[in-house]
N, C-alpha and C. Protein backbone atom coordinates (compact mmCIF):
# COMPACT_ATOMS: atom_id res chain seq x y z
N MET A 1 -48.14 99.26 -15.35
CA MET A 1 -48.73 100.40 -14.90
C MET A 1 -47.90 101.76 -15.64
N LYS A 2 -48.17 102.29 -16.23
CA LYS A 2 -46.99 103.55 -16.70
C LYS A 2 -47.52 104.92 -15.33
N ARG A 3 -46.61 105.23 -15.38
CA ARG A 3 -46.62 106.39 -13.70
C ARG A 3 -46.01 107.62 -14.48
N THR A 4 -47.62 108.33 -14.29
CA THR A 4 -47.64 109.76 -14.94
C THR A 4 -47.27 110.98 -13.92
N PHE A 5 -46.90 112.01 -14.62
CA PHE A 5 -46.74 112.87 -13.39
C PHE A 5 -47.55 113.95 -13.64
N PRO A 6 -47.85 115.10 -12.33
CA PRO A 6 -49.13 116.10 -12.91
C PRO A 6 -48.47 116.67 -14.23
N LYS A 7 -48.68 117.66 -14.32
CA LYS A 7 -49.24 118.24 -15.37
C LYS A 7 -48.51 119.75 -15.06
N SER A 8 -48.85 119.80 -13.43
CA SER A 8 -48.64 121.35 -12.84
C SER A 8 -46.37 120.81 -12.28
N LYS A 9 -46.61 119.78 -11.98
CA LYS A 9 -45.35 119.40 -11.33
C LYS A 9 -44.42 119.30 -12.21
N VAL A 10 -44.80 119.00 -13.69
CA VAL A 10 -43.87 118.93 -14.99
C VAL A 10 -43.28 120.36 -15.19
N ALA A 11 -44.58 121.59 -15.13
CA ALA A 11 -44.24 122.68 -15.33
C ALA A 11 -43.27 123.21 -14.68
N PHE A 12 -43.39 123.01 -13.68
CA PHE A 12 -42.57 123.37 -12.61
C PHE A 12 -40.96 123.10 -12.95
N THR A 13 -41.08 122.09 -12.60
CA THR A 13 -39.57 121.16 -13.06
C THR A 13 -39.23 121.71 -14.32
N LEU A 14 -40.07 122.30 -15.00
CA LEU A 14 -39.28 122.44 -16.58
C LEU A 14 -38.94 124.08 -15.99
N CYS A 15 -39.49 124.89 -15.17
CA CYS A 15 -39.40 126.67 -15.62
C CYS A 15 -38.47 126.67 -14.12
N ALA A 16 -37.83 125.52 -12.93
CA ALA A 16 -36.81 125.40 -12.33
C ALA A 16 -35.46 125.34 -12.70
N ALA A 17 -35.55 124.14 -13.89
CA ALA A 17 -34.32 123.70 -14.96
C ALA A 17 -34.15 125.57 -15.67
N LEU A 18 -35.17 126.01 -15.86
CA LEU A 18 -34.52 127.09 -17.48
C LEU A 18 -34.09 127.78 -16.20
N PHE A 19 -34.60 128.53 -15.06
CA PHE A 19 -34.16 129.16 -14.12
C PHE A 19 -32.71 129.47 -13.84
N LEU A 20 -32.45 127.66 -13.85
CA LEU A 20 -31.12 127.88 -12.99
C LEU A 20 -29.81 127.35 -14.21
N ALA A 21 -30.35 127.43 -15.59
CA ALA A 21 -29.35 127.48 -16.61
C ALA A 21 -29.48 128.87 -17.16
N LEU A 22 -30.05 129.98 -16.70
CA LEU A 22 -30.16 131.29 -17.13
C LEU A 22 -29.67 131.63 -15.72
N PHE A 23 -29.33 131.65 -14.52
CA PHE A 23 -28.91 131.84 -13.53
C PHE A 23 -27.09 131.33 -14.21
N ILE A 24 -26.83 130.07 -14.20
CA ILE A 24 -25.52 129.91 -14.66
C ILE A 24 -24.82 130.55 -15.92
N SER A 25 -25.74 131.33 -16.61
CA SER A 25 -25.46 131.73 -18.19
C SER A 25 -24.76 133.06 -17.86
N GLN A 26 -25.54 133.57 -16.49
CA GLN A 26 -25.31 135.00 -16.89
C GLN A 26 -24.03 135.27 -15.91
N SER A 27 -24.17 133.80 -14.72
CA SER A 27 -22.82 134.00 -13.90
C SER A 27 -21.84 133.84 -13.93
N ALA A 28 -22.01 133.21 -15.43
CA ALA A 28 -20.62 133.01 -16.22
C ALA A 28 -19.84 133.85 -17.30
N PHE A 29 -20.73 134.88 -18.38
CA PHE A 29 -20.40 136.19 -18.57
C PHE A 29 -20.84 137.64 -17.91
N SER A 30 -21.28 137.69 -16.84
CA SER A 30 -21.59 138.87 -15.93
C SER A 30 -20.13 139.18 -15.95
N ILE A 31 -19.89 140.82 -15.86
CA ILE A 31 -19.43 141.64 -15.71
C ILE A 31 -18.77 141.66 -14.17
N LYS A 32 -17.86 141.64 -13.27
CA LYS A 32 -17.53 141.51 -12.06
C LYS A 32 -17.72 142.97 -11.33
N PRO A 33 -18.38 143.55 -10.13
CA PRO A 33 -18.13 144.49 -9.55
C PRO A 33 -17.26 145.26 -9.76
N PRO A 34 -17.61 147.10 -10.45
CA PRO A 34 -16.74 148.11 -10.23
C PRO A 34 -15.46 148.14 -9.08
N ARG A 35 -16.45 147.95 -7.79
CA ARG A 35 -14.84 147.96 -7.25
C ARG A 35 -13.99 147.08 -6.85
N GLU A 36 -14.51 146.21 -8.03
CA GLU A 36 -13.87 144.31 -7.49
C GLU A 36 -12.89 144.61 -8.50
N LEU A 37 -13.37 145.22 -9.78
CA LEU A 37 -12.19 145.41 -11.24
C LEU A 37 -10.93 146.21 -10.49
N MET A 38 -11.44 147.40 -9.68
CA MET A 38 -10.09 148.32 -9.55
C MET A 38 -9.17 147.51 -8.57
N GLY A 39 -9.39 145.78 -8.10
CA GLY A 39 -8.13 145.49 -7.29
C GLY A 39 -7.45 144.84 -8.10
N ILE A 40 -7.95 144.41 -9.31
CA ILE A 40 -7.00 143.11 -10.46
C ILE A 40 -5.96 144.55 -11.04
N ALA A 41 -5.26 143.84 -12.10
CA ALA A 41 -4.23 144.43 -12.92
C ALA A 41 -5.28 144.93 -14.02
N PRO A 42 -4.14 146.38 -14.20
CA PRO A 42 -5.04 147.50 -15.05
C PRO A 42 -5.20 146.59 -16.36
N ASP A 43 -4.13 146.50 -17.05
CA ASP A 43 -4.70 145.70 -17.92
C ASP A 43 -5.77 144.41 -18.29
N GLU A 44 -5.67 143.76 -17.33
CA GLU A 44 -6.53 142.33 -16.82
C GLU A 44 -7.87 143.16 -16.90
N ALA A 45 -7.75 144.28 -16.19
CA ALA A 45 -9.03 144.19 -16.11
C ALA A 45 -9.89 145.43 -17.20
N ALA A 46 -9.19 146.13 -17.79
CA ALA A 46 -9.66 146.73 -19.38
C ALA A 46 -9.57 145.36 -20.27
N SER A 47 -9.27 144.41 -20.15
CA SER A 47 -9.01 143.52 -21.23
C SER A 47 -10.88 142.93 -20.83
N THR A 48 -11.31 142.87 -19.31
CA THR A 48 -12.41 141.99 -19.10
C THR A 48 -13.28 143.04 -19.67
N ILE A 49 -13.61 144.20 -19.30
CA ILE A 49 -14.63 145.10 -19.54
C ILE A 49 -14.55 145.24 -20.94
N VAL A 50 -13.38 144.69 -22.20
CA VAL A 50 -13.77 145.24 -23.47
C VAL A 50 -14.61 143.51 -24.41
N SER A 51 -14.04 141.50 -23.14
CA SER A 51 -14.82 140.46 -23.37
C SER A 51 -15.79 141.24 -23.33
N SER A 52 -16.52 141.57 -22.23
CA SER A 52 -17.73 142.22 -21.29
C SER A 52 -18.68 143.10 -22.47
N ILE A 53 -17.66 143.80 -22.85
CA ILE A 53 -18.61 144.67 -24.25
C ILE A 53 -19.34 143.80 -24.96
N LYS A 54 -18.10 143.33 -25.66
CA LYS A 54 -18.73 143.11 -26.74
C LYS A 54 -20.08 141.45 -26.47
N GLU A 55 -20.37 141.48 -25.35
CA GLU A 55 -21.32 140.18 -24.97
C GLU A 55 -22.59 141.06 -25.42
N GLU A 56 -22.77 142.76 -25.43
CA GLU A 56 -23.75 143.60 -25.85
C GLU A 56 -24.44 143.05 -24.79
N ASP A 57 -24.60 143.68 -23.06
CA ASP A 57 -25.31 143.41 -22.47
C ASP A 57 -25.04 144.66 -21.82
N PRO A 58 -26.38 145.22 -21.72
CA PRO A 58 -26.75 147.29 -21.10
C PRO A 58 -25.85 147.14 -19.72
N ALA A 59 -25.74 146.08 -18.86
CA ALA A 59 -25.71 145.66 -17.59
C ALA A 59 -23.97 146.40 -17.79
N VAL A 60 -23.29 145.69 -18.69
CA VAL A 60 -22.22 145.74 -18.76
C VAL A 60 -21.19 147.09 -19.03
N ASN A 61 -22.13 147.72 -19.73
CA ASN A 61 -21.61 149.16 -20.39
C ASN A 61 -22.22 150.17 -19.02
N LYS A 62 -22.91 150.06 -18.12
CA LYS A 62 -23.07 150.71 -17.04
C LYS A 62 -22.16 150.36 -15.89
N ALA A 63 -21.76 149.02 -15.98
CA ALA A 63 -20.65 148.73 -14.84
C ALA A 63 -19.54 149.44 -16.19
N ALA A 64 -18.96 149.48 -16.63
CA ALA A 64 -17.73 149.91 -17.33
C ALA A 64 -17.71 151.31 -17.10
N ARG A 65 -18.51 152.11 -17.45
CA ARG A 65 -18.63 153.32 -17.47
C ARG A 65 -18.76 153.94 -16.05
N GLU A 66 -19.27 153.14 -14.76
CA GLU A 66 -18.88 153.73 -13.11
C GLU A 66 -17.43 153.18 -13.01
N LEU A 67 -17.13 152.21 -13.74
CA LEU A 67 -15.49 151.54 -13.27
C LEU A 67 -14.39 153.33 -13.87
N VAL A 68 -14.68 153.88 -15.45
CA VAL A 68 -13.87 154.62 -15.58
C VAL A 68 -14.21 155.78 -14.86
N THR A 69 -15.68 155.75 -14.29
CA THR A 69 -15.35 157.60 -13.27
C THR A 69 -14.15 157.09 -12.08
N LEU A 70 -14.35 155.71 -11.76
CA LEU A 70 -13.57 155.34 -10.33
C LEU A 70 -12.19 155.47 -10.62
N HIS A 71 -11.62 155.24 -12.06
CA HIS A 71 -10.47 155.69 -11.89
C HIS A 71 -10.08 156.32 -12.42
N SER A 72 -10.76 157.67 -12.49
CA SER A 72 -10.93 158.53 -13.57
C SER A 72 -10.79 160.20 -12.29
N ARG A 73 -11.37 159.56 -10.99
CA ARG A 73 -11.62 160.89 -9.99
C ARG A 73 -10.22 160.02 -9.68
N ALA A 74 -9.39 159.38 -9.52
CA ALA A 74 -7.93 158.61 -8.54
C ALA A 74 -6.92 158.76 -9.58
N ILE A 75 -7.51 159.62 -10.72
CA ILE A 75 -5.77 159.23 -11.68
C ILE A 75 -4.43 160.10 -10.91
N GLY A 76 -5.16 161.56 -10.41
CA GLY A 76 -3.98 162.00 -10.12
C GLY A 76 -2.80 161.05 -8.37
N GLY A 77 -3.50 159.66 -8.32
CA GLY A 77 -2.55 159.10 -7.16
C GLY A 77 -2.47 158.02 -7.69
N GLU A 78 -2.45 156.50 -7.74
CA GLU A 78 -1.78 155.91 -7.76
C GLU A 78 -1.27 155.90 -9.85
N ASP A 79 -0.26 155.04 -9.98
CA ASP A 79 0.41 155.13 -11.51
C ASP A 79 -0.91 154.24 -12.30
N SER A 80 -1.37 153.31 -11.40
CA SER A 80 -2.44 152.02 -11.72
C SER A 80 -3.49 152.93 -12.25
N HIS A 81 -3.85 153.42 -11.71
CA HIS A 81 -5.21 154.15 -12.39
C HIS A 81 -4.90 154.95 -14.39
N LEU A 82 -4.23 155.58 -13.85
CA LEU A 82 -3.85 155.74 -15.52
C LEU A 82 -3.47 154.97 -15.93
N ALA A 83 -2.88 153.73 -15.92
CA ALA A 83 -2.52 152.39 -16.69
C ALA A 83 -3.93 151.82 -17.28
N PHE A 84 -4.78 151.92 -16.49
CA PHE A 84 -6.05 151.38 -16.59
C PHE A 84 -7.01 152.26 -17.76
N LEU A 85 -6.93 153.59 -17.46
CA LEU A 85 -7.10 154.46 -18.09
C LEU A 85 -7.10 154.25 -19.69
N LYS A 86 -5.30 154.75 -19.54
CA LYS A 86 -5.23 154.34 -20.94
C LYS A 86 -4.76 152.86 -22.04
N SER A 87 -4.57 151.73 -21.07
CA SER A 87 -4.96 150.37 -21.66
C SER A 87 -6.57 150.59 -21.82
N LEU A 88 -7.78 150.73 -21.18
CA LEU A 88 -8.60 150.70 -21.90
C LEU A 88 -9.47 151.67 -23.42
N SER A 89 -8.56 152.71 -23.20
CA SER A 89 -9.04 153.44 -24.49
C SER A 89 -8.29 152.89 -25.84
N GLU A 90 -6.85 152.45 -25.16
CA GLU A 90 -6.39 151.38 -26.64
C GLU A 90 -6.91 150.25 -26.92
N LYS A 91 -7.56 149.50 -26.02
CA LYS A 91 -8.49 148.22 -26.53
C LYS A 91 -9.84 148.87 -27.11
N VAL A 92 -10.68 149.82 -26.49
CA VAL A 92 -11.87 150.35 -26.97
C VAL A 92 -11.78 150.56 -27.75
N SER A 93 -10.85 151.29 -28.11
CA SER A 93 -10.64 152.25 -29.90
C SER A 93 -10.44 150.86 -30.75
N ALA A 94 -10.14 149.58 -30.66
CA ALA A 94 -10.02 148.53 -31.39
C ALA A 94 -11.46 148.07 -31.68
N LEU A 95 -12.39 148.43 -31.21
CA LEU A 95 -13.72 147.89 -31.46
C LEU A 95 -14.03 148.53 -32.49
N VAL A 96 -14.09 150.11 -32.92
CA VAL A 96 -15.07 150.25 -33.81
C VAL A 96 -14.29 149.95 -34.98
N THR A 97 -13.58 148.61 -34.80
CA THR A 97 -13.74 148.37 -36.96
C THR A 97 -14.53 146.88 -36.19
N ASP A 98 -15.55 146.96 -35.58
CA ASP A 98 -16.10 145.45 -35.26
C ASP A 98 -16.97 145.49 -36.61
N ASP A 99 -17.63 144.32 -36.33
CA ASP A 99 -18.47 144.11 -37.41
C ASP A 99 -20.05 144.65 -37.50
N LYS A 100 -19.88 144.22 -35.57
CA LYS A 100 -21.46 144.91 -35.44
C LYS A 100 -21.93 146.24 -34.69
N ILE A 101 -22.74 146.90 -35.70
CA ILE A 101 -22.46 148.27 -35.57
C ILE A 101 -23.24 148.33 -33.81
N THR A 102 -23.53 147.50 -32.95
CA THR A 102 -23.64 147.87 -32.01
C THR A 102 -22.69 148.08 -31.08
N ILE A 103 -21.85 146.71 -31.51
CA ILE A 103 -20.50 147.27 -30.79
C ILE A 103 -19.27 147.93 -30.91
N ARG A 104 -19.72 148.65 -32.02
CA ARG A 104 -19.00 149.47 -33.24
C ARG A 104 -19.76 150.98 -31.66
N ASN A 105 -20.84 151.32 -31.72
CA ASN A 105 -21.44 152.18 -31.34
C ASN A 105 -21.32 151.95 -29.57
N ALA A 106 -20.76 151.33 -28.84
CA ALA A 106 -20.99 151.13 -27.26
C ALA A 106 -19.60 151.59 -27.48
N ALA A 107 -18.44 150.90 -28.30
CA ALA A 107 -17.16 151.85 -28.35
C ALA A 107 -17.02 153.06 -28.04
N GLU A 108 -17.75 153.72 -29.28
CA GLU A 108 -17.60 155.04 -29.22
C GLU A 108 -18.23 156.07 -28.25
N GLU A 109 -19.02 155.26 -27.44
CA GLU A 109 -20.16 155.68 -26.28
C GLU A 109 -18.99 155.96 -24.69
N HIS A 110 -18.21 154.70 -25.35
CA HIS A 110 -16.91 154.75 -24.04
C HIS A 110 -16.08 155.54 -24.28
N LEU A 111 -15.32 155.80 -25.31
CA LEU A 111 -14.08 156.92 -25.55
C LEU A 111 -15.09 158.22 -25.32
N ASN A 112 -16.33 158.17 -25.83
CA ASN A 112 -16.63 159.55 -25.55
C ASN A 112 -17.03 159.75 -24.35
N HIS A 113 -17.03 159.01 -23.12
CA HIS A 113 -17.22 159.23 -21.82
C HIS A 113 -15.77 159.64 -20.96
N ILE A 114 -14.83 158.81 -21.71
CA ILE A 114 -13.69 159.51 -21.60
C ILE A 114 -13.07 160.24 -21.86
N ILE A 115 -13.58 160.68 -22.99
CA ILE A 115 -12.86 162.58 -23.27
C ILE A 115 -13.79 162.91 -22.51
N GLU A 116 -14.63 163.14 -22.52
CA GLU A 116 -15.25 164.60 -21.51
C GLU A 116 -14.73 164.14 -20.11
N LEU A 117 -14.61 162.95 -19.18
CA LEU A 117 -14.10 163.12 -18.25
C LEU A 117 -12.58 163.78 -18.11
N MET A 118 -11.23 163.43 -18.76
CA MET A 118 -10.30 164.05 -19.19
C MET A 118 -10.00 165.46 -19.36
N GLY A 119 -11.49 165.52 -20.43
CA GLY A 119 -11.44 167.33 -20.91
C GLY A 119 -11.29 167.43 -19.38
N GLY A 120 -12.88 167.26 -18.61
CA GLY A 120 -12.94 167.89 -17.27
C GLY A 120 -11.84 168.70 -16.50
N TYR A 121 -10.53 167.51 -16.45
CA TYR A 121 -9.15 167.72 -15.96
C TYR A 121 -8.44 168.75 -16.49
N ILE A 122 -8.62 168.72 -17.36
CA ILE A 122 -7.08 169.39 -17.98
C ILE A 122 -7.78 170.57 -17.89
N GLU A 123 -8.79 171.34 -17.99
CA GLU A 123 -9.34 172.67 -18.09
C GLU A 123 -9.38 173.36 -16.79
N ASN A 124 -10.32 172.43 -15.63
CA ASN A 124 -9.51 173.29 -14.26
C ASN A 124 -9.36 171.22 -12.97
N ASP A 125 -8.22 171.39 -12.91
CA ASP A 125 -8.26 170.72 -11.94
C ASP A 125 -6.40 170.96 -12.19
N SER A 126 -5.75 169.98 -10.96
CA SER A 126 -4.43 170.29 -10.48
C SER A 126 -3.55 169.70 -11.61
N SER A 127 -1.98 170.32 -11.04
CA SER A 127 -0.93 169.76 -12.86
C SER A 127 -0.92 168.34 -13.21
N ILE A 128 -0.95 167.88 -11.96
CA ILE A 128 -0.67 166.16 -12.41
C ILE A 128 -2.05 165.64 -13.19
N ARG A 129 -3.02 165.78 -12.24
CA ARG A 129 -4.69 165.70 -13.31
C ARG A 129 -4.80 166.19 -14.69
N ARG A 130 -3.75 167.20 -14.99
CA ARG A 130 -3.79 167.26 -16.32
C ARG A 130 -2.59 167.04 -17.14
N GLU A 131 -1.39 166.73 -16.66
CA GLU A 131 -1.29 166.09 -16.95
C GLU A 131 -0.93 164.61 -17.75
N ARG A 132 -1.65 163.30 -16.76
CA ARG A 132 -2.12 162.26 -17.05
C ARG A 132 -3.46 162.58 -18.26
N ALA A 133 -4.53 163.19 -17.42
CA ALA A 133 -5.61 163.20 -18.68
C ALA A 133 -4.47 163.95 -20.32
N VAL A 134 -4.16 164.74 -19.51
CA VAL A 134 -3.27 164.50 -21.51
C VAL A 134 -2.42 162.95 -22.27
N MET A 135 -2.20 162.49 -21.14
CA MET A 135 -1.35 161.52 -21.77
C MET A 135 -2.33 159.78 -21.93
N VAL A 136 -3.60 160.30 -21.56
CA VAL A 136 -4.91 159.21 -22.05
C VAL A 136 -5.49 159.44 -22.93
N LEU A 137 -5.64 160.96 -22.99
CA LEU A 137 -6.33 161.49 -24.86
C LEU A 137 -5.25 161.44 -25.89
N ARG A 138 -3.88 161.08 -25.37
CA ARG A 138 -2.79 161.18 -26.38
C ARG A 138 -2.44 160.03 -26.78
N ALA A 139 -2.75 158.49 -26.06
CA ALA A 139 -3.08 157.25 -26.34
C ALA A 139 -3.72 156.56 -26.75
N MET A 140 -4.79 157.51 -26.52
CA MET A 140 -6.32 157.21 -27.26
C MET A 140 -5.99 157.50 -29.09
N ARG A 141 -5.44 158.94 -29.10
CA ARG A 141 -5.53 159.20 -30.50
C ARG A 141 -4.50 158.71 -31.11
N ALA A 142 -3.07 158.16 -30.64
CA ALA A 142 -2.54 157.53 -31.67
C ALA A 142 -2.71 155.71 -31.92
N ARG A 143 -3.61 155.40 -30.72
CA ARG A 143 -4.81 154.18 -31.24
C ARG A 143 -5.85 154.55 -32.58
N VAL A 144 -6.66 155.56 -32.45
CA VAL A 144 -7.34 156.19 -33.51
C VAL A 144 -6.94 156.27 -34.35
N GLU A 145 -5.47 156.54 -34.53
CA GLU A 145 -4.81 157.64 -35.77
C GLU A 145 -4.55 156.73 -36.53
N SER A 146 -3.66 154.96 -35.73
CA SER A 146 -3.52 153.50 -36.39
C SER A 146 -4.55 152.96 -37.21
N ILE A 147 -5.62 153.19 -36.98
CA ILE A 147 -7.08 152.35 -37.62
C ILE A 147 -7.54 153.03 -39.22
N ASP A 148 -6.55 152.13 -40.04
CA ASP A 148 -7.05 152.06 -41.48
C ASP A 148 -8.70 151.23 -41.78
N ASP A 149 -9.17 152.38 -42.24
CA ASP A 149 -10.44 151.29 -42.35
C ASP A 149 -11.22 152.54 -43.44
N GLU A 150 -11.62 151.76 -44.48
CA GLU A 150 -12.61 152.91 -45.56
C GLU A 150 -13.92 152.77 -45.23
N GLY A 151 -13.91 152.02 -44.23
CA GLY A 151 -15.56 151.24 -44.27
C GLY A 151 -16.56 152.04 -43.05
N ALA A 152 -17.11 152.38 -42.17
CA ALA A 152 -18.09 152.64 -41.34
C ALA A 152 -16.84 152.73 -40.24
N ALA A 153 -15.67 152.37 -39.85
CA ALA A 153 -15.18 153.12 -38.61
C ALA A 153 -14.66 153.89 -39.59
N ARG A 154 -13.95 154.78 -40.21
CA ARG A 154 -13.94 155.92 -40.97
C ARG A 154 -14.85 157.03 -40.31
N LEU A 155 -15.35 157.32 -40.13
CA LEU A 155 -16.69 157.93 -39.73
C LEU A 155 -16.34 158.26 -38.47
N THR A 156 -16.17 157.01 -37.91
CA THR A 156 -16.78 156.94 -36.08
C THR A 156 -14.76 157.56 -35.17
N VAL A 157 -13.91 157.02 -36.37
CA VAL A 157 -12.61 157.89 -36.40
C VAL A 157 -12.63 159.49 -36.17
N LYS A 158 -13.21 159.32 -36.90
CA LYS A 158 -13.36 161.09 -37.62
C LYS A 158 -14.15 161.97 -35.99
N ARG A 159 -15.13 161.58 -35.86
CA ARG A 159 -16.11 162.01 -34.44
C ARG A 159 -15.37 161.49 -34.04
N VAL A 160 -14.47 160.96 -33.29
CA VAL A 160 -13.85 160.73 -32.08
C VAL A 160 -12.60 161.94 -31.87
N LEU A 161 -11.70 161.19 -32.80
CA LEU A 161 -10.77 162.47 -33.11
C LEU A 161 -11.08 164.03 -32.63
N ALA A 162 -12.38 164.48 -33.47
CA ALA A 162 -12.99 165.63 -33.71
C ALA A 162 -12.94 166.17 -32.00
N LYS A 163 -13.79 164.82 -31.19
CA LYS A 163 -14.10 164.92 -29.70
C LYS A 163 -12.77 165.40 -29.29
N ILE A 164 -11.84 164.50 -29.14
CA ILE A 164 -10.19 164.67 -28.65
C ILE A 164 -9.94 166.05 -28.92
N ASP A 165 -9.71 166.79 -30.13
CA ASP A 165 -9.71 167.78 -30.38
C ASP A 165 -10.66 169.25 -29.47
N ALA A 166 -11.91 168.82 -29.65
CA ALA A 166 -12.36 169.86 -28.73
C ALA A 166 -12.74 169.46 -27.20
N ALA A 167 -11.98 168.82 -26.67
CA ALA A 167 -11.18 168.39 -25.77
C ALA A 167 -10.15 169.11 -24.96
N ALA A 168 -9.39 169.10 -25.63
CA ALA A 168 -7.52 169.67 -25.59
C ALA A 168 -7.01 169.07 -26.99
N PRO A 169 -6.20 169.45 -27.60
CA PRO A 169 -5.62 169.99 -28.79
C PRO A 169 -4.60 168.85 -28.61
N VAL A 170 -4.55 167.62 -28.32
CA VAL A 170 -3.06 166.89 -28.06
C VAL A 170 -2.66 166.00 -29.38
N LYS A 171 -1.90 165.57 -29.23
CA LYS A 171 -0.83 165.58 -30.62
C LYS A 171 -0.62 163.68 -30.25
N SER A 172 -0.25 162.41 -30.98
CA SER A 172 -0.33 161.48 -30.51
C SER A 172 1.04 161.47 -30.23
N ALA A 173 2.34 161.97 -30.54
CA ALA A 173 3.63 162.47 -30.80
C ALA A 173 3.93 163.74 -30.04
N GLU A 174 4.56 163.86 -28.79
CA GLU A 174 4.62 165.12 -27.85
C GLU A 174 5.26 166.06 -29.12
N ALA A 175 4.95 166.95 -28.83
CA ALA A 175 5.86 167.75 -29.45
C ALA A 175 6.85 168.88 -28.61
N LYS A 176 8.06 168.81 -29.09
CA LYS A 176 9.52 169.88 -27.76
C LYS A 176 8.46 171.28 -27.74
N PRO A 177 8.84 171.73 -26.35
CA PRO A 177 8.27 173.15 -26.07
C PRO A 177 9.19 174.08 -27.21
N GLN A 178 8.88 175.07 -27.99
CA GLN A 178 10.06 176.17 -28.31
C GLN A 178 10.51 177.14 -27.02
N GLU A 179 11.49 177.07 -27.00
CA GLU A 179 12.20 177.84 -25.94
C GLU A 179 12.59 179.26 -25.59
N PRO A 180 11.83 180.05 -25.22
CA PRO A 180 11.91 181.45 -25.54
C PRO A 180 12.93 182.19 -25.44
N GLU A 181 13.04 183.09 -26.64
CA GLU A 181 14.50 184.00 -26.44
C GLU A 181 15.24 184.47 -25.08
N PRO A 182 16.21 184.28 -24.98
CA PRO A 182 16.75 184.91 -23.51
C PRO A 182 16.29 186.79 -23.76
N VAL A 183 16.15 187.24 -22.87
CA VAL A 183 16.28 188.72 -23.03
C VAL A 183 17.64 189.35 -22.19
N LEU A 184 17.85 190.45 -23.17
CA LEU A 184 19.38 190.92 -22.70
C LEU A 184 18.78 192.53 -21.83
N ASN A 185 20.36 192.83 -21.31
CA ASN A 185 19.43 193.45 -20.57
C ASN A 185 20.73 195.00 -21.16
N GLU A 186 21.09 195.78 -20.79
CA GLU A 186 21.42 197.27 -21.46
C GLU A 186 22.69 196.62 -21.33
N GLN A 187 23.51 195.75 -20.62
CA GLN A 187 24.95 196.05 -20.13
C GLN A 187 25.56 194.50 -21.45
N GLN A 188 23.99 193.39 -21.50
CA GLN A 188 24.59 192.24 -22.47
C GLN A 188 24.30 192.23 -23.84
N LYS A 189 24.00 193.60 -24.14
CA LYS A 189 23.50 193.64 -25.57
C LYS A 189 25.13 193.93 -26.27
N ALA A 190 25.04 193.55 -27.14
CA ALA A 190 25.96 193.64 -28.09
C ALA A 190 26.16 195.23 -28.73
N PRO A 191 27.48 195.72 -28.77
CA PRO A 191 27.99 197.23 -28.88
C PRO A 191 27.61 197.29 -30.69
N GLU A 192 26.92 198.37 -30.64
CA GLU A 192 26.34 199.00 -32.32
C GLU A 192 28.13 199.15 -32.58
N SER A 193 27.92 198.29 -34.01
CA SER A 193 29.54 198.55 -34.42
C SER A 193 28.94 199.93 -35.47
N PRO A 194 30.53 201.04 -35.07
CA PRO A 194 30.62 202.12 -35.52
C PRO A 194 30.51 202.49 -37.19
N LYS A 195 29.93 203.30 -36.81
CA LYS A 195 29.29 204.07 -38.24
C LYS A 195 30.04 204.69 -39.45
N PRO A 196 30.33 204.10 -40.45
CA PRO A 196 31.80 205.08 -40.95
C PRO A 196 31.59 206.43 -41.42
N ALA A 197 32.33 206.85 -41.46
CA ALA A 197 32.89 208.53 -41.34
C ALA A 197 32.02 209.24 -42.76
N SER A 198 31.62 209.97 -42.55
CA SER A 198 31.38 210.62 -43.88
C SER A 198 32.21 211.63 -44.39
N VAL A 199 32.71 211.41 -45.72
CA VAL A 199 32.89 212.10 -46.53
C VAL A 199 32.97 212.95 -47.91
N ALA A 200 32.82 214.24 -47.39
CA ALA A 200 32.54 214.75 -47.85
C ALA A 200 33.10 215.49 -49.23
N PRO A 201 31.84 215.47 -50.57
CA PRO A 201 32.36 214.95 -52.02
C PRO A 201 33.16 216.35 -52.51
N GLN A 202 34.12 215.94 -52.65
CA GLN A 202 35.07 216.81 -53.82
C GLN A 202 34.83 217.20 -54.80
N GLU A 203 34.88 218.61 -55.28
CA GLU A 203 34.52 219.01 -56.28
C GLU A 203 35.76 218.82 -57.18
N MET A 204 35.21 218.63 -58.71
CA MET A 204 35.88 218.02 -59.45
C MET A 204 36.69 219.02 -60.24
N PRO A 205 38.04 219.23 -60.71
CA PRO A 205 38.49 220.46 -60.93
C PRO A 205 37.74 220.96 -62.57
N LYS A 206 37.37 222.75 -62.96
CA LYS A 206 37.11 222.59 -63.93
C LYS A 206 37.97 223.09 -65.09
N LYS A 207 37.23 222.50 -66.53
CA LYS A 207 38.19 222.69 -67.67
C LYS A 207 38.08 224.10 -68.20
N GLU A 208 39.73 224.37 -68.42
CA GLU A 208 39.79 225.70 -69.16
C GLU A 208 39.12 225.48 -70.30
N ALA A 209 38.87 227.02 -70.84
CA ALA A 209 38.03 226.91 -72.30
C ALA A 209 38.99 226.95 -73.14
N ALA A 210 38.72 226.04 -74.54
CA ALA A 210 40.40 226.13 -75.52
C ALA A 210 40.23 227.55 -76.12
N PRO A 211 41.13 228.28 -76.44
CA PRO A 211 41.04 229.62 -76.99
C PRO A 211 40.79 229.49 -78.47
N ALA A 212 39.81 230.65 -78.74
CA ALA A 212 39.26 230.60 -80.25
C ALA A 212 40.14 230.38 -81.35
N PRO A 213 39.69 230.23 -82.26
CA PRO A 213 41.12 230.32 -83.28
C PRO A 213 40.64 231.47 -84.09
């Protein structure tokens, strides 16, 4: 005699199996909590975020923005925060050439978020925060400028560079500051060269008139 199972039990079993498969899939590809990512190496954390962005998960974008905010608030502290922001800026910049428009848009959103945060530190904050914020934008600019793409990425590159210039006009290569000219006091000034003595013009002797014949 063939044994049959109630339809309700079969449906419950299928639902449980589907839920388990979905749970395992999300656990395998979901990003770690932002505060947990702060405890790993900066370059590894940046690579994890970039890999997760490619999964096109809105939760990943939210977690990545939160992690960027946490690191930017501590940019004046340990060097690891600066290293993470520079590494993430460079790695995310590479995504603007992706074939999928959704990934390109997500990359541009993350770059704009970093630019906005760094621009705020450049305008009004301590000197070390301003200096490190400029370093982050300079690293981002160098990577974006290196992108050689005549397609859709070209427009994204122009928009990102315009955002960087609006936040802080930084260049990818640091320009040497011009040294101000030294101000000399009265004693250090070079003596003026003596003016040549004026010579009175001499009158030419008048020629005598020849006698009339």
